Amino acid sequence: MVPILEIHLGDVVQMRKPHPCGGYRWEVTRVGADIGIRCLTCGRRVMLPRDRFEKQVKRILGSISEVNNGE
């Protein structure tokens, strides 16, 4: 059995492939069987099935407040 990725609302993740706008960073807006994410570059919202999301995520950068304070 494959462990489920520990993801929380407000986490910022880096995806493997860039969004067409050029952004790699996404904020998690919904957690469940489907994962809702919002591009931090252009604001586009996308819903992905959890298994597809887990394959496409490269790393978790931290919560939105931690990421914004670091810049």
C-alpha atoms as a PDB file:
ATOM      1  CA  MET A   1       0.000   0.000   0.000  1.00  0.00           C
ATOM      2  CA  VAL A   2       1.320   3.436  -0.990  1.00  0.00           C
ATOM      3  CA  PRO A   3       1.251   6.065   1.795  1.00  0.00           C
ATOM      4  CA  ILE A   4      -0.963   9.109   1.211  1.00  0.00           C
ATOM      5  CA  LEU A   5       0.921  12.382   0.790  1.00  0.00           C
ATOM      6  CA  GLU A   6       0.500  14.611   3.876  1.00  0.00           C
ATOM      7  CA  ILE A   7      -1.093  17.749   2.388  1.00  0.00           C
ATOM      8  CA  HIS A   8      -3.027  20.532   4.154  1.00  0.00           C
ATOM      9  CA  LEU A   9      -5.092  23.549   3.149  1.00  0.00           C
ATOM     10  CA  GLY A  10      -2.869  26.554   2.518  1.00  0.00           C
ATOM     11  CA  ASP A  11       0.226  24.502   1.657  1.00  0.00           C
ATOM     12  CA  VAL A  12       2.292  25.733  -1.282  1.00  0.00           C
ATOM     13  CA  VAL A  13       3.535  23.004  -3.614  1.00  0.00           C
ATOM     14  CA  GLN A  14       5.912  22.982  -6.559  1.00  0.00           C
ATOM     15  CA  MET A  15       4.695  20.995  -9.553  1.00  0.00           C
ATOM     16  CA  ARG A  16       6.953  19.040 -11.924  1.00  0.00           C
ATOM     17  CA  LYS A  17       5.812  20.901 -15.042  1.00  0.00           C
ATOM     18  CA  PRO A  18       5.201  24.646 -15.284  1.00  0.00           C
ATOM     19  CA  HIS A  19       1.729  26.114 -15.802  1.00  0.00           C
ATOM     20  CA  PRO A  20       1.333  27.768 -19.256  1.00  0.00           C
ATOM     21  CA  CYS A  21       1.746  31.156 -17.507  1.00  0.00           C
ATOM     22  CA  GLY A  22       5.221  30.022 -16.376  1.00  0.00           C
ATOM     23  CA  GLY A  23       4.452  29.474 -12.684  1.00  0.00           C
ATOM     24  CA  TYR A  24       5.556  26.406 -10.736  1.00  0.00           C
ATOM     25  CA  ARG A  25       4.086  27.311  -7.326  1.00  0.00           C
ATOM     26  CA  TRP A  26       0.507  26.416  -6.379  1.00  0.00           C
ATOM     27  CA  GLU A  27      -1.555  26.915  -3.201  1.00  0.00           C
ATOM     28  CA  VAL A  28      -3.739  24.004  -2.015  1.00  0.00           C
ATOM     29  CA  THR A  29      -7.346  25.228  -1.720  1.00  0.00           C
ATOM     30  CA  ARG A  30      -9.199  21.913  -1.276  1.00  0.00           C
ATOM     31  CA  VAL A  31      -8.214  18.555   0.183  1.00  0.00           C
ATOM     32  CA  GLY A  32     -10.121  15.305  -0.263  1.00  0.00           C
ATOM     33  CA  ALA A  33     -10.505  12.733  -3.007  1.00  0.00           C
ATOM     34  CA  ASP A  34      -9.834  15.657  -5.362  1.00  0.00           C
ATOM     35  CA  ILE A  35      -7.207  18.306  -4.669  1.00  0.00           C
ATOM     36  CA  GLY A  36      -7.943  21.935  -5.537  1.00  0.00           C
ATOM     37  CA  ILE A  37      -4.945  24.120  -6.332  1.00  0.00           C
ATOM     38  CA  ARG A  38      -4.505  27.778  -7.343  1.00  0.00           C
ATOM     39  CA  CYS A  39      -1.577  29.070  -9.389  1.00  0.00           C
ATOM     40  CA  LEU A  40       0.274  31.746  -7.421  1.00  0.00           C
ATOM     41  CA  THR A  41       1.413  33.458 -10.636  1.00  0.00           C
ATOM     42  CA  CYS A  42      -1.871  33.945 -12.523  1.00  0.00           C
ATOM     43  CA  GLY A  43      -4.565  32.819 -10.043  1.00  0.00           C
ATOM     44  CA  ARG A  44      -5.967  29.999 -12.191  1.00  0.00           C
ATOM     45  CA  ARG A  45      -7.774  27.272 -10.191  1.00  0.00           C
ATOM     46  CA  VAL A  46      -7.532  23.577 -11.074  1.00  0.00           C
ATOM     47  CA  MET A  47      -9.034  20.412  -9.560  1.00  0.00           C
ATOM     48  CA  LEU A  48      -7.016  17.184  -9.824  1.00  0.00           C
ATOM     49  CA  PRO A  49      -7.769  13.659  -8.623  1.00  0.00           C
ATOM     50  CA  ARG A  50      -5.534  12.881  -5.622  1.00  0.00           C
ATOM     51  CA  ASP A  51      -3.545  10.156  -7.414  1.00  0.00           C
ATOM     52  CA  ARG A  52      -2.723  12.446 -10.352  1.00  0.00           C
ATOM     53  CA  PHE A  53      -1.836  15.313  -7.988  1.00  0.00           C
ATOM     54  CA  GLU A  54       0.554  13.099  -6.002  1.00  0.00           C
ATOM     55  CA  LYS A  55       2.335  12.046  -9.213  1.00  0.00           C
ATOM     56  CA  GLN A  56       2.704  15.636 -10.453  1.00  0.00           C
ATOM     57  CA  VAL A  57       3.823  17.338  -7.230  1.00  0.00           C
ATOM     58  CA  LYS A  58       7.598  17.766  -6.936  1.00  0.00           C
ATOM     59  CA  ARG A  59       7.822  19.064  -3.362  1.00  0.00           C
ATOM     60  CA  ILE A  60       5.912  20.852  -0.614  1.00  0.00           C
ATOM     61  CA  LEU A  61       7.379  24.317  -0.031  1.00  0.00           C
ATOM     62  CA  GLY A  62       5.475  25.003   3.222  1.00  0.00           C
ATOM     63  CA  SER A  63       2.366  26.928   4.201  1.00  0.00           C
ATOM     64  CA  ILE A  64       1.319  30.070   2.326  1.00  0.00           C
ATOM     65  CA  SER A  65       2.315  32.289   5.284  1.00  0.00           C
ATOM     66  CA  GLU A  66       5.814  30.723   5.500  1.00  0.00           C
ATOM     67  CA  VAL A  67       6.402  31.120   1.752  1.00  0.00           C
ATOM     68  CA  ASN A  68       5.200  34.758   1.687  1.00  0.00           C
ATOM     69  CA  ASN A  69       7.359  35.708   4.710  1.00  0.00           C
ATOM     70  CA  GLY A  70      10.438  34.255   3.008  1.00  0.00           C
ATOM     71  CA  GLU A  71      10.187  36.567   0.002  1.00  0.00           C
END
